[in-house]
PDB file of N, CA and C in Angstrom:
ATOM      1  N   MET A   1      13.094  47.529 -23.772  1.00  0.00           N
ATOM      2  CA  MET A   1      12.299  47.407 -22.570  1.00  0.00           C
ATOM      3  C   MET A   1      12.926  46.364 -21.662  1.00  0.00           C
ATOM      4  N   ASN A   2      13.014  46.729 -20.431  1.00  0.00           N
ATOM      5  CA  ASN A   2      13.574  45.771 -19.489  1.00  0.00           C
ATOM      6  C   ASN A   2      12.444  45.008 -18.792  1.00  0.00           C
ATOM      7  N   LEU A   3      12.837  44.125 -17.928  1.00  0.00           N
ATOM      8  CA  LEU A   3      11.893  43.230 -17.267  1.00  0.00           C
ATOM      9  C   LEU A   3      10.893  43.986 -16.401  1.00  0.00           C
ATOM     10  N   GLU A   4      11.347  44.984 -15.692  1.00  0.00           N
ATOM     11  CA  GLU A   4      10.462  45.758 -14.808  1.00  0.00           C
ATOM     12  C   GLU A   4       9.373  46.483 -15.601  1.00  0.00           C
ATOM     13  N   GLU A   5       9.758  47.067 -16.719  1.00  0.00           N
ATOM     14  CA  GLU A   5       8.778  47.771 -17.547  1.00  0.00           C
ATOM     15  C   GLU A   5       7.740  46.801 -18.110  1.00  0.00           C
ATOM     16  N   LEU A   6       8.192  45.622 -18.527  1.00  0.00           N
ATOM     17  CA  LEU A   6       7.269  44.609 -19.038  1.00  0.00           C
ATOM     18  C   LEU A   6       6.287  44.155 -17.963  1.00  0.00           C
ATOM     19  N   LYS A   7       6.789  43.943 -16.760  1.00  0.00           N
ATOM     20  CA  LYS A   7       5.912  43.536 -15.656  1.00  0.00           C
ATOM     21  C   LYS A   7       4.866  44.606 -15.378  1.00  0.00           C
ATOM     22  N   LYS A   8       5.331  45.866 -15.367  1.00  0.00           N
ATOM     23  CA  LYS A   8       4.426  46.984 -15.094  1.00  0.00           C
ATOM     24  C   LYS A   8       3.355  47.073 -16.182  1.00  0.00           C
ATOM     25  N   LEU A   9       3.763  46.946 -17.436  1.00  0.00           N
ATOM     26  CA  LEU A   9       2.832  47.010 -18.552  1.00  0.00           C
ATOM     27  C   LEU A   9       1.812  45.870 -18.483  1.00  0.00           C
ATOM     28  N   ARG A  10       2.304  44.692 -18.175  1.00  0.00           N
ATOM     29  CA  ARG A  10       1.426  43.522 -18.058  1.00  0.00           C
ATOM     30  C   ARG A  10       0.404  43.717 -16.948  1.00  0.00           C
ATOM     31  N   GLU A  11       0.854  44.252 -15.822  1.00  0.00           N
ATOM     32  CA  GLU A  11      -0.038  44.479 -14.695  1.00  0.00           C
ATOM     33  C   GLU A  11      -1.097  45.522 -15.042  1.00  0.00           C
ATOM     34  N   GLU A  12      -0.695  46.579 -15.729  1.00  0.00           N
ATOM     35  CA  GLU A  12      -1.646  47.610 -16.134  1.00  0.00           C
ATOM     36  C   GLU A  12      -2.710  47.045 -17.071  1.00  0.00           C
ATOM     37  N   LYS A  13      -2.263  46.253 -18.029  1.00  0.00           N
ATOM     38  CA  LYS A  13      -3.210  45.655 -18.979  1.00  0.00           C
ATOM     39  C   LYS A  13      -4.165  44.690 -18.282  1.00  0.00           C
ATOM     40  N   SER A  14      -3.644  43.917 -17.325  1.00  0.00           N
ATOM     41  CA  SER A  14      -4.522  42.991 -16.611  1.00  0.00           C
ATOM     42  C   SER A  14      -5.537  43.749 -15.763  1.00  0.00           C
ATOM     43  N   LEU A  15      -5.125  44.875 -15.179  1.00  0.00           N
ATOM     44  CA  LEU A  15      -6.060  45.690 -14.403  1.00  0.00           C
ATOM     45  C   LEU A  15      -7.148  46.287 -15.296  1.00  0.00           C
ATOM     46  N   ILE A  16      -6.750  46.731 -16.470  1.00  0.00           N
ATOM     47  CA  ILE A  16      -7.728  47.269 -17.424  1.00  0.00           C
ATOM     48  C   ILE A  16      -8.719  46.181 -17.821  1.00  0.00           C
ATOM     49  N   HIS A  17      -8.198  45.002 -18.090  1.00  0.00           N
ATOM     50  CA  HIS A  17      -9.049  43.874 -18.474  1.00  0.00           C
ATOM     51  C   HIS A  17     -10.011  43.519 -17.342  1.00  0.00           C
ATOM     52  N   LYS A  18      -9.503  43.449 -16.119  1.00  0.00           N
ATOM     53  CA  LYS A  18     -10.361  43.135 -14.972  1.00  0.00           C
ATOM     54  C   LYS A  18     -11.452  44.175 -14.793  1.00  0.00           C
ATOM     55  N   LYS A  19     -11.098  45.440 -15.002  1.00  0.00           N
ATOM     56  CA  LYS A  19     -12.075  46.516 -14.867  1.00  0.00           C
ATOM     57  C   LYS A  19     -13.176  46.369 -15.915  1.00  0.00           C
ATOM     58  N   LYS A  20     -12.792  46.087 -17.166  1.00  0.00           N
ATOM     59  CA  LYS A  20     -13.780  45.889 -18.225  1.00  0.00           C
ATOM     60  C   LYS A  20     -14.685  44.695 -17.913  1.00  0.00           C
ATOM     61  N   LYS A  21     -14.067  43.627 -17.452  1.00  0.00           N
ATOM     62  CA  LYS A  21     -14.804  42.419 -17.126  1.00  0.00           C
ATOM     63  C   LYS A  21     -15.815  42.682 -16.014  1.00  0.00           C
ATOM     64  N   ARG A  22     -15.364  43.404 -14.981  1.00  0.00           N
ATOM     65  CA  ARG A  22     -16.240  43.724 -13.853  1.00  0.00           C
ATOM     66  C   ARG A  22     -17.415  44.591 -14.312  1.00  0.00           C
ATOM     67  N   GLU A  23     -17.133  45.601 -15.139  1.00  0.00           N
ATOM     68  CA  GLU A  23     -18.189  46.463 -15.651  1.00  0.00           C
ATOM     69  C   GLU A  23     -19.200  45.658 -16.466  1.00  0.00           C
ATOM     70  N   TYR A  24     -18.712  44.731 -17.268  1.00  0.00           N
ATOM     71  CA  TYR A  24     -19.585  43.904 -18.092  1.00  0.00           C
ATOM     72  C   TYR A  24     -20.517  43.078 -17.212  1.00  0.00           C
ATOM     73  N   TYR A  25     -19.961  42.408 -16.206  1.00  0.00           N
ATOM     74  CA  TYR A  25     -20.784  41.562 -15.354  1.00  0.00           C
ATOM     75  C   TYR A  25     -21.752  42.373 -14.497  1.00  0.00           C
ATOM     76  N   LEU A  26     -21.328  43.536 -14.038  1.00  0.00           N
ATOM     77  CA  LEU A  26     -22.231  44.384 -13.276  1.00  0.00           C
ATOM     78  C   LEU A  26     -23.382  44.869 -14.157  1.00  0.00           C
ATOM     79  N   LYS A  27     -23.055  45.184 -15.416  1.00  0.00           N
ATOM     80  CA  LYS A  27     -24.076  45.621 -16.356  1.00  0.00           C
ATOM     81  C   LYS A  27     -25.078  44.491 -16.602  1.00  0.00           C
ATOM     82  N   LYS A  28     -24.587  43.278 -16.775  1.00  0.00           N
ATOM     83  CA  LYS A  28     -25.456  42.118 -16.978  1.00  0.00           C
ATOM     84  C   LYS A  28     -26.309  41.866 -15.739  1.00  0.00           C
ATOM     85  N   LYS A  29     -25.707  42.028 -14.574  1.00  0.00           N
ATOM     86  CA  LYS A  29     -26.415  41.783 -13.322  1.00  0.00           C
ATOM     87  C   LYS A  29     -27.587  42.753 -13.180  1.00  0.00           C
ATOM     88  N   VAL A  30     -27.385  44.000 -13.545  1.00  0.00           N
ATOM     89  CA  VAL A  30     -28.442  45.007 -13.457  1.00  0.00           C
ATOM     90  C   VAL A  30     -29.552  44.672 -14.440  1.00  0.00           C
ATOM     91  N   GLN A  31     -29.200  44.225 -15.628  1.00  0.00           N
ATOM     92  CA  GLN A  31     -30.201  43.898 -16.635  1.00  0.00           C
ATOM     93  C   GLN A  31     -31.041  42.700 -16.221  1.00  0.00           C
ATOM     94  N   VAL A  32     -30.434  41.710 -15.596  1.00  0.00           N
ATOM     95  CA  VAL A  32     -31.122  40.474 -15.262  1.00  0.00           C
ATOM     96  C   VAL A  32     -32.145  40.671 -14.151  1.00  0.00           C
ATOM     97  N   LYS A  33     -31.833  41.484 -13.181  1.00  0.00           N
ATOM     98  CA  LYS A  33     -32.731  41.656 -12.041  1.00  0.00           C
ATOM     99  C   LYS A  33     -33.993  42.392 -12.481  1.00  0.00           C
ATOM    100  N   LYS A  34     -35.109  41.692 -12.359  1.00  0.00           N
ATOM    101  CA  LYS A  34     -36.396  42.281 -12.656  1.00  0.00           C
ATOM    102  C   LYS A  34     -37.303  41.900 -11.494  1.00  0.00           C
ATOM    103  N   VAL A  35     -37.779  42.897 -10.774  1.00  0.00           N
ATOM    104  CA  VAL A  35     -38.566  42.634  -9.573  1.00  0.00           C
ATOM    105  C   VAL A  35     -40.044  42.755  -9.902  1.00  0.00           C
ATOM    106  N   TYR A  36     -40.789  41.741  -9.517  1.00  0.00           N
ATOM    107  CA  TYR A  36     -42.228  41.734  -9.740  1.00  0.00           C
ATOM    108  C   TYR A  36     -42.949  42.002  -8.426  1.00  0.00           C
ATOM    109  N   ASP A  37     -43.969  42.833  -8.505  1.00  0.00           N
ATOM    110  CA  ASP A  37     -44.827  43.044  -7.354  1.00  0.00           C
ATOM    111  C   ASP A  37     -46.093  42.227  -7.616  1.00  0.00           C
ATOM    112  N   TYR A  38     -46.142  41.047  -7.037  1.00  0.00           N
ATOM    113  CA  TYR A  38     -47.216  40.114  -7.347  1.00  0.00           C
ATOM    114  C   TYR A  38     -48.571  40.587  -6.836  1.00  0.00           C
ATOM    115  N   GLU A  39     -48.586  41.354  -5.763  1.00  0.00           N
ATOM    116  CA  GLU A  39     -49.863  41.850  -5.252  1.00  0.00           C
ATOM    117  C   GLU A  39     -50.525  42.791  -6.256  1.00  0.00           C
ATOM    118  N   LEU A  40     -49.725  43.610  -6.908  1.00  0.00           N
ATOM    119  CA  LEU A  40     -50.286  44.522  -7.914  1.00  0.00           C
ATOM    120  C   LEU A  40     -50.615  43.790  -9.211  1.00  0.00           C
ATOM    121  N   GLU A  41     -49.722  42.925  -9.641  1.00  0.00           N
ATOM    122  CA  GLU A  41     -49.907  42.285 -10.942  1.00  0.00           C
ATOM    123  C   GLU A  41     -50.974  41.200 -10.931  1.00  0.00           C
ATOM    124  N   LEU A  42     -51.086  40.479  -9.827  1.00  0.00           N
ATOM    125  CA  LEU A  42     -52.029  39.365  -9.783  1.00  0.00           C
ATOM    126  C   LEU A  42     -53.135  39.615  -8.760  1.00  0.00           C
ATOM    127  N   ASN A  43     -53.683  40.803  -8.756  1.00  0.00           N
ATOM    128  CA  ASN A  43     -54.785  41.075  -7.834  1.00  0.00           C
ATOM    129  C   ASN A  43     -56.064  40.412  -8.345  1.00  0.00           C
ATOM    130  N   ASP A  44     -57.096  40.411  -7.537  1.00  0.00           N
ATOM    131  CA  ASP A  44     -58.324  39.682  -7.867  1.00  0.00           C
ATOM    132  C   ASP A  44     -58.988  40.182  -9.143  1.00  0.00           C
ATOM    133  N   LYS A  45     -58.898  41.483  -9.403  1.00  0.00           N
ATOM    134  CA  LYS A  45     -59.581  42.049 -10.581  1.00  0.00           C
ATOM    135  C   LYS A  45     -58.957  41.552 -11.884  1.00  0.00           C
ATOM    136  N   ASP A  46     -57.644  41.584 -11.956  1.00  0.00           N
ATOM    137  CA  ASP A  46     -56.965  41.282 -13.213  1.00  0.00           C
ATOM    138  C   ASP A  46     -56.347  39.886 -13.257  1.00  0.00           C
ATOM    139  N   PHE A  47     -56.602  39.065 -12.281  1.00  0.00           N
ATOM    140  CA  PHE A  47     -55.916  37.773 -12.188  1.00  0.00           C
ATOM    141  C   PHE A  47     -56.162  36.928 -13.431  1.00  0.00           C
ATOM    142  N   ASN A  48     -57.432  36.747 -13.791  1.00  0.00           N
ATOM    143  CA  ASN A  48     -57.750  35.900 -14.951  1.00  0.00           C
ATOM    144  C   ASN A  48     -57.146  36.455 -16.236  1.00  0.00           C
ATOM    145  N   SER A  49     -57.232  37.756 -16.406  1.00  0.00           N
ATOM    146  CA  SER A  49     -56.687  38.345 -17.633  1.00  0.00           C
ATOM    147  C   SER A  49     -55.164  38.212 -17.669  1.00  0.00           C
ATOM    148  N   LYS A  50     -54.498  38.378 -16.518  1.00  0.00           N
ATOM    149  CA  LYS A  50     -53.033  38.222 -16.466  1.00  0.00           C
ATOM    150  C   LYS A  50     -52.635  36.792 -16.801  1.00  0.00           C
ATOM    151  N   ILE A  51     -53.355  35.836 -16.217  1.00  0.00           N
ATOM    152  CA  ILE A  51     -53.053  34.422 -16.496  1.00  0.00           C
ATOM    153  C   ILE A  51     -53.247  34.142 -17.985  1.00  0.00           C
ATOM    154  N   LYS A  52     -54.314  34.667 -18.562  1.00  0.00           N
ATOM    155  CA  LYS A  52     -54.550  34.470 -19.996  1.00  0.00           C
ATOM    156  C   LYS A  52     -53.436  35.094 -20.835  1.00  0.00           C
ATOM    157  N   GLU A  53     -52.966  36.274 -20.433  1.00  0.00           N
ATOM    158  CA  GLU A  53     -51.861  36.920 -21.151  1.00  0.00           C
ATOM    159  C   GLU A  53     -50.594  36.072 -21.078  1.00  0.00           C
ATOM    160  N   ILE A  54     -50.327  35.549 -19.886  1.00  0.00           N
ATOM    161  CA  ILE A  54     -49.132  34.695 -19.707  1.00  0.00           C
ATOM    162  C   ILE A  54     -49.242  33.466 -20.586  1.00  0.00           C
ATOM    163  N   ILE A  55     -50.417  32.843 -20.595  1.00  0.00           N
ATOM    164  CA  ILE A  55     -50.624  31.637 -21.416  1.00  0.00           C
ATOM    165  C   ILE A  55     -50.450  31.956 -22.896  1.00  0.00           C
ATOM    166  N   LYS A  56     -51.016  33.089 -23.342  1.00  0.00           N
ATOM    167  CA  LYS A  56     -50.868  33.481 -24.753  1.00  0.00           C
ATOM    168  C   LYS A  56     -49.404  33.706 -25.110  1.00  0.00           C
ATOM    169  N   ALA A  57     -48.688  34.391 -24.218  1.00  0.00           N
ATOM    170  CA  ALA A  57     -47.273  34.666 -24.489  1.00  0.00           C
ATOM    171  C   ALA A  57     -46.479  33.367 -24.586  1.00  0.00           C
ATOM    172  N   GLN A  58     -46.743  32.429 -23.672  1.00  0.00           N
ATOM    173  CA  GLN A  58     -46.033  31.148 -23.718  1.00  0.00           C
ATOM    174  C   GLN A  58     -46.397  30.367 -24.978  1.00  0.00           C
ATOM    175  N   LYS A  59     -47.685  30.382 -25.334  1.00  0.00           N
ATOM    176  CA  LYS A  59     -48.119  29.663 -26.528  1.00  0.00           C
ATOM    177  C   LYS A  59     -47.481  30.262 -27.782  1.00  0.00           C
ATOM    178  N   ASN A  60     -47.451  31.595 -27.869  1.00  0.00           N
ATOM    179  CA  ASN A  60     -46.811  32.249 -29.012  1.00  0.00           C
ATOM    180  C   ASN A  60     -45.330  31.893 -29.087  1.00  0.00           C
ATOM    181  N   TYR A  61     -44.682  31.887 -27.933  1.00  0.00           N
ATOM    182  CA  TYR A  61     -43.257  31.545 -27.893  1.00  0.00           C
ATOM    183  C   TYR A  61     -43.039  30.128 -28.415  1.00  0.00           C
ATOM    184  N   LEU A  62     -43.859  29.194 -27.933  1.00  0.00           N
ATOM    185  CA  LEU A  62     -43.720  27.809 -28.383  1.00  0.00           C
ATOM    186  C   LEU A  62     -44.061  27.665 -29.865  1.00  0.00           C
ATOM    187  N   ASP A  63     -45.118  28.351 -30.302  1.00  0.00           N
ATOM    188  CA  ASP A  63     -45.489  28.279 -31.713  1.00  0.00           C
ATOM    189  C   ASP A  63     -44.382  28.819 -32.610  1.00  0.00           C
ATOM    190  N   ASN A  64     -43.741  29.898 -32.164  1.00  0.00           N
ATOM    191  CA  ASN A  64     -42.651  30.476 -32.950  1.00  0.00           C
ATOM    192  C   ASN A  64     -41.455  29.536 -33.005  1.00  0.00           C
ATOM    193  N   ARG A  65     -41.235  28.805 -31.931  1.00  0.00           N
ATOM    194  CA  ARG A  65     -40.069  27.924 -31.870  1.00  0.00           C
ATOM    195  C   ARG A  65     -40.387  26.474 -32.240  1.00  0.00           C
ATOM    196  N   LYS A  66     -41.630  26.200 -32.579  1.00  0.00           N
ATOM    197  CA  LYS A  66     -42.066  24.828 -32.839  1.00  0.00           C
ATOM    198  C   LYS A  66     -41.220  24.148 -33.915  1.00  0.00           C
ATOM    199  N   ASP A  67     -41.023  24.826 -35.027  1.00  0.00           N
ATOM    200  CA  ASP A  67     -40.246  24.246 -36.125  1.00  0.00           C
ATOM    201  C   ASP A  67     -38.808  23.963 -35.686  1.00  0.00           C
ATOM    202  N   ILE A  68     -38.232  24.902 -34.936  1.00  0.00           N
ATOM    203  CA  ILE A  68     -36.852  24.730 -34.467  1.00  0.00           C
ATOM    204  C   ILE A  68     -36.764  23.544 -33.516  1.00  0.00           C
ATOM    205  N   ILE A  69     -37.732  23.447 -32.603  1.00  0.00           N
ATOM    206  CA  ILE A  69     -37.732  22.349 -31.624  1.00  0.00           C
ATOM    207  C   ILE A  69     -37.882  21.011 -32.329  1.00  0.00           C
ATOM    208  N   ILE A  70     -38.800  20.932 -33.272  1.00  0.00           N
ATOM    209  CA  ILE A  70     -39.010  19.675 -34.000  1.00  0.00           C
ATOM    210  C   ILE A  70     -37.771  19.299 -34.804  1.00  0.00           C
ATOM    211  N   SER A  71     -37.142  20.288 -35.439  1.00  0.00           N
ATOM    212  CA  SER A  71     -35.939  19.976 -36.218  1.00  0.00           C
ATOM    213  C   SER A  71     -34.809  19.494 -35.305  1.00  0.00           C
ATOM    214  N   LYS A  72     -34.671  20.115 -34.118  1.00  0.00           N
ATOM    215  CA  LYS A  72     -33.639  19.669 -33.174  1.00  0.00           C
ATOM    216  C   LYS A  72     -33.921  18.245 -32.696  1.00  0.00           C
ATOM    217  N   MET A  73     -35.189  17.942 -32.429  1.00  0.00           N
ATOM    218  CA  MET A  73     -35.545  16.581 -31.995  1.00  0.00           C
ATOM    219  C   MET A  73     -35.229  15.571 -33.092  1.00  0.00           C
ATOM    220  N   ASN A  74     -35.559  15.923 -34.334  1.00  0.00           N
ATOM    221  CA  ASN A  74     -35.279  15.017 -35.448  1.00  0.00           C
ATOM    222  C   ASN A  74     -33.772  14.839 -35.647  1.00  0.00           C
ATOM    223  N   ASP A  75     -33.012  15.929 -35.526  1.00  0.00           N
ATOM    224  CA  ASP A  75     -31.556  15.833 -35.627  1.00  0.00           C
ATOM    225  C   ASP A  75     -31.006  14.907 -34.560  1.00  0.00           C
ATOM    226  N   TYR A  76     -31.522  15.058 -33.341  1.00  0.00           N
ATOM    227  CA  TYR A  76     -31.066  14.205 -32.237  1.00  0.00           C
ATOM    228  C   TYR A  76     -31.387  12.740 -32.526  1.00  0.00           C
ATOM    229  N   LYS A  77     -32.591  12.481 -33.014  1.00  0.00           N
ATOM    230  CA  LYS A  77     -32.976  11.102 -33.340  1.00  0.00           C
ATOM    231  C   LYS A  77     -32.048  10.526 -34.406  1.00  0.00           C
ATOM    232  N   ASN A  78     -31.753  11.328 -35.433  1.00  0.00           N
ATOM    233  CA  ASN A  78     -30.881  10.857 -36.507  1.00  0.00           C
ATOM    234  C   ASN A  78     -29.465  10.593 -36.006  1.00  0.00           C
ATOM    235  N   LYS A  79     -28.945  11.500 -35.160  1.00  0.00           N
ATOM    236  CA  LYS A  79     -27.606  11.299 -34.601  1.00  0.00           C
ATOM    237  C   LYS A  79     -27.560  10.038 -33.749  1.00  0.00           C
ATOM    238  N   LYS A  80     -28.586   9.862 -32.948  1.00  0.00           N
ATOM    239  CA  LYS A  80     -28.661   8.686 -32.083  1.00  0.00           C
ATOM    240  C   LYS A  80     -28.722   7.407 -32.931  1.00  0.00           C
ATOM    241  N   LYS A  81     -29.530   7.441 -33.973  1.00  0.00           N
ATOM    242  CA  LYS A  81     -29.664   6.285 -34.852  1.00  0.00           C
ATOM    243  C   LYS A  81     -28.331   5.953 -35.519  1.00  0.00           C
ATOM    244  N   GLU A  82     -27.641   6.978 -36.024  1.00  0.00           N
ATOM    245  CA  GLU A  82     -26.337   6.763 -36.649  1.00  0.00           C
ATOM    246  C   GLU A  82     -25.331   6.208 -35.647  1.00  0.00           C
ATOM    247  N   TYR A  83     -25.342   6.768 -34.442  1.00  0.00           N
ATOM    248  CA  TYR A  83     -24.416   6.304 -33.408  1.00  0.00           C
ATOM    249  C   TYR A  83     -24.656   4.834 -33.104  1.00  0.00           C
ATOM    250  N   TYR A  84     -25.916   4.461 -32.936  1.00  0.00           N
ATOM    251  CA  TYR A  84     -26.215   3.069 -32.624  1.00  0.00           C
ATOM    252  C   TYR A  84     -25.871   2.140 -33.782  1.00  0.00           C
ATOM    253  N   GLU A  85     -26.047   2.617 -34.998  1.00  0.00           N
ATOM    254  CA  GLU A  85     -25.676   1.782 -36.147  1.00  0.00           C
ATOM    255  C   GLU A  85     -24.163   1.607 -36.226  1.00  0.00           C
ATOM    256  N   LEU A  86     -23.418   2.677 -35.964  1.00  0.00           N
ATOM    257  CA  LEU A  86     -21.959   2.598 -36.018  1.00  0.00           C
ATOM    258  C   LEU A  86     -21.382   1.730 -34.906  1.00  0.00           C
ATOM    259  N   ASN A  87     -21.982   1.808 -33.733  1.00  0.00           N
ATOM    260  CA  ASN A  87     -21.429   1.116 -32.571  1.00  0.00           C
ATOM    261  C   ASN A  87     -22.252  -0.088 -32.141  1.00  0.00           C
ATOM    262  N   LYS A  88     -22.932  -0.688 -33.113  1.00  0.00           N
ATOM    263  CA  LYS A  88     -23.824  -1.799 -32.797  1.00  0.00           C
ATOM    264  C   LYS A  88     -23.061  -2.974 -32.187  1.00  0.00           C
ATOM    265  N   GLU A  89     -21.942  -3.338 -32.772  1.00  0.00           N
ATOM    266  CA  GLU A  89     -21.180  -4.494 -32.277  1.00  0.00           C
ATOM    267  C   GLU A  89     -20.637  -4.241 -30.874  1.00  0.00           C
ATOM    268  N   LYS A  90     -20.096  -3.050 -30.675  1.00  0.00           N
ATOM    269  CA  LYS A  90     -19.583  -2.710 -29.341  1.00  0.00           C
ATOM    270  C   LYS A  90     -20.687  -2.783 -28.299  1.00  0.00           C
ATOM    271  N   ARG A  91     -21.833  -2.231 -28.663  1.00  0.00           N
ATOM    272  CA  ARG A  91     -22.953  -2.210 -27.739  1.00  0.00           C
ATOM    273  C   ARG A  91     -23.418  -3.621 -27.406  1.00  0.00           C
ATOM    274  N   LEU A  92     -23.529  -4.444 -28.422  1.00  0.00           N
ATOM    275  CA  LEU A  92     -23.981  -5.815 -28.202  1.00  0.00           C
ATOM    276  C   LEU A  92     -22.990  -6.579 -27.326  1.00  0.00           C
ATOM    277  N   GLU A  93     -21.715  -6.362 -27.582  1.00  0.00           N
ATOM    278  CA  GLU A  93     -20.688  -7.015 -26.778  1.00  0.00           C
ATOM    279  C   GLU A  93     -20.761  -6.552 -25.325  1.00  0.00           C
ATOM    280  N   TYR A  94     -20.908  -5.262 -25.154  1.00  0.00           N
ATOM    281  CA  TYR A  94     -21.018  -4.719 -23.796  1.00  0.00           C
ATOM    282  C   TYR A  94     -22.263  -5.258 -23.097  1.00  0.00           C
ATOM    283  N   ASP A  95     -23.383  -5.282 -23.815  1.00  0.00           N
ATOM    284  CA  ASP A  95     -24.627  -5.795 -23.227  1.00  0.00           C
ATOM    285  C   ASP A  95     -24.471  -7.252 -22.811  1.00  0.00           C
ATOM    286  N   LYS A  96     -23.788  -8.017 -23.637  1.00  0.00           N
ATOM    287  CA  LYS A  96     -23.578  -9.433 -23.324  1.00  0.00           C
ATOM    288  C   LYS A  96     -22.728  -9.568 -22.062  1.00  0.00           C
ATOM    289  N   GLU A  97     -21.645  -8.808 -21.992  1.00  0.00           N
ATOM    290  CA  GLU A  97     -20.793  -8.837 -20.797  1.00  0.00           C
ATOM    291  C   GLU A  97     -21.575  -8.413 -19.565  1.00  0.00           C
ATOM    292  N   TYR A  98     -22.376  -7.389 -19.726  1.00  0.00           N
ATOM    293  CA  TYR A  98     -23.153  -6.858 -18.610  1.00  0.00           C
ATOM    294  C   TYR A  98     -24.149  -7.907 -18.106  1.00  0.00           C
ATOM    295  N   ARG A  99     -24.835  -8.561 -19.033  1.00  0.00           N
ATOM    296  CA  ARG A  99     -25.806  -9.598 -18.639  1.00  0.00           C
ATOM    297  C   ARG A  99     -25.120 -10.749 -17.921  1.00  0.00           C
ATOM    298  N   GLU A 100     -23.962 -11.171 -18.443  1.00  0.00           N
ATOM    299  CA  GLU A 100     -23.235 -12.269 -17.796  1.00  0.00           C
ATOM    300  C   GLU A 100     -22.787 -11.876 -16.387  1.00  0.00           C
ATOM    301  N   LYS A 101     -22.295 -10.675 -16.253  1.00  0.00           N
ATOM    302  CA  LYS A 101     -21.865 -10.185 -14.951  1.00  0.00           C
ATOM    303  C   LYS A 101     -23.035 -10.154 -13.974  1.00  0.00           C
ATOM    304  N   LYS A 102     -24.158  -9.641 -14.420  1.00  0.00           N
ATOM    305  CA  LYS A 102     -25.348  -9.578 -13.562  1.00  0.00           C
ATOM    306  C   LYS A 102     -25.841 -10.977 -13.204  1.00  0.00           C
ATOM    307  N   LYS A 103     -25.734 -11.886 -14.154  1.00  0.00           N
ATOM    308  CA  LYS A 103     -26.162 -13.251 -13.905  1.00  0.00           C
ATOM    309  C   LYS A 103     -25.305 -13.876 -12.801  1.00  0.00           C
ATOM    310  N   GLU A 104     -23.994 -13.648 -12.871  1.00  0.00           N
ATOM    311  CA  GLU A 104     -23.099 -14.167 -11.841  1.00  0.00           C
ATOM    312  C   GLU A 104     -23.387 -13.534 -10.483  1.00  0.00           C
ATOM    313  N   GLU A 105     -23.608 -12.232 -10.472  1.00  0.00           N
ATOM    314  CA  GLU A 105     -23.934 -11.559  -9.214  1.00  0.00           C
ATOM    315  C   GLU A 105     -25.230 -12.091  -8.625  1.00  0.00           C
ATOM    316  N   LEU A 106     -26.196 -12.352  -9.481  1.00  0.00           N
ATOM    317  CA  LEU A 106     -27.469 -12.874  -9.018  1.00  0.00           C
ATOM    318  C   LEU A 106     -27.306 -14.278  -8.433  1.00  0.00           C
ATOM    319  N   LYS A 107     -26.482 -15.105  -9.063  1.00  0.00           N
ATOM    320  CA  LYS A 107     -26.214 -16.448  -8.531  1.00  0.00           C
ATOM    321  C   LYS A 107     -25.590 -16.362  -7.145  1.00  0.00           C
ATOM    322  N   LYS A 108     -24.596 -15.494  -6.992  1.00  0.00           N
ATOM    323  CA  LYS A 108     -23.957 -15.308  -5.686  1.00  0.00           C
ATOM    324  C   LYS A 108     -24.962 -14.842  -4.650  1.00  0.00           C
ATOM    325  N   TYR A 109     -25.782 -13.891  -5.035  1.00  0.00           N
ATOM    326  CA  TYR A 109     -26.778 -13.362  -4.108  1.00  0.00           C
ATOM    327  C   TYR A 109     -27.743 -14.460  -3.679  1.00  0.00           C
ATOM    328  N   ARG A 110     -28.209 -15.252  -4.636  1.00  0.00           N
ATOM    329  CA  ARG A 110     -29.149 -16.334  -4.303  1.00  0.00           C
ATOM    330  C   ARG A 110     -28.525 -17.347  -3.359  1.00  0.00           C
ATOM    331  N   LYS A 111     -27.267 -17.711  -3.623  1.00  0.00           N
ATOM    332  CA  LYS A 111     -26.590 -18.639  -2.724  1.00  0.00           C
ATOM    333  C   LYS A 111     -26.545 -18.102  -1.309  1.00  0.00           C
ATOM    334  N   GLU A 112     -26.134 -16.848  -1.177  1.00  0.00           N
ATOM    335  CA  GLU A 112     -26.067 -16.229   0.156  1.00  0.00           C
ATOM    336  C   GLU A 112     -27.451 -16.134   0.795  1.00  0.00           C
ATOM    337  N   TYR A 113     -28.432 -15.818   0.001  1.00  0.00           N
ATOM    338  CA  TYR A 113     -29.794 -15.668   0.504  1.00  0.00           C
ATOM    339  C   TYR A 113     -30.312 -16.991   1.056  1.00  0.00           C
ATOM    340  N   TYR A 114     -30.147 -18.061   0.289  1.00  0.00           N
ATOM    341  CA  TYR A 114     -30.633 -19.365   0.739  1.00  0.00           C
ATOM    342  C   TYR A 114     -29.832 -19.879   1.925  1.00  0.00           C
ATOM    343  N   LYS A 115     -28.574 -19.540   1.943  1.00  0.00           N
ATOM    344  CA  LYS A 115     -27.741 -19.905   3.088  1.00  0.00           C
ATOM    345  C   LYS A 115     -28.263 -19.237   4.355  1.00  0.00           C
ATOM    346  N   ARG A 116     -28.561 -17.964   4.276  1.00  0.00           N
ATOM    347  CA  ARG A 116     -29.104 -17.238   5.430  1.00  0.00           C
ATOM    348  C   ARG A 116     -30.467 -17.796   5.841  1.00  0.00           C
ATOM    349  N   LEU A 117     -31.276 -18.168   4.858  1.00  0.00           N
ATOM    350  CA  LEU A 117     -32.581 -18.747   5.175  1.00  0.00           C
ATOM    351  C   LEU A 117     -32.414 -20.051   5.966  1.00  0.00           C
ATOM    352  N   LYS A 118     -31.497 -20.887   5.550  1.00  0.00           N
ATOM    353  CA  LYS A 118     -31.252 -22.147   6.259  1.00  0.00           C
ATOM    354  C   LYS A 118     -30.764 -21.889   7.675  1.00  0.00           C
ATOM    355  N   GLU A 119     -29.871 -20.931   7.824  1.00  0.00           N
ATOM    356  CA  GLU A 119     -29.347 -20.583   9.138  1.00  0.00           C
ATOM    357  C   GLU A 119     -30.446 -20.051  10.058  1.00  0.00           C
ATOM    358  N   ASN A 120     -31.331 -19.260   9.526  1.00  0.00           N
ATOM    359  CA  ASN A 120     -32.413 -18.693  10.314  1.00  0.00           C
ATOM    360  C   ASN A 120     -33.406 -19.759  10.752  1.00  0.00           C
ATOM    361  N   LYS A 121     -33.631 -20.761   9.910  1.00  0.00           N
ATOM    362  CA  LYS A 121     -34.567 -21.826  10.254  1.00  0.00           C
ATOM    363  C   LYS A 121     -34.009 -22.720  11.345  1.00  0.00           C
ATOM    364  N   LEU A 122     -32.707 -22.895  11.349  1.00  0.00           N
ATOM    365  CA  LEU A 122     -32.096 -23.759  12.350  1.00  0.00           C
ATOM    366  C   LEU A 122     -31.947 -22.971  13.614  1.00  0.00           C
TER     367      LEU A 122
END
């Protein structure tokens, strides 16, 4: 195979790939679009019942995922705790530097502030 044939083959394959990709995204786009007619769904007669159905569906969803959510929260807490235990010295050092820096900035600010106050009084 020479260079021209390879280029042609590569271009054909990329076009096929692009076509598949486009079809996939168009298919997803069609699936995602769901149009609601709120006047029909939430009319005065069925409004309360629709709201109750929505609430039940959300509650069921949360109840089904409750264990997963709690386990994820606990995992996050444990990871955070481990991270803070591992990096305790770094954190303390950084906090100390940060406090000192802020203290110096505050001193400068106070000096400038009192200087301006004196100037304004005179």
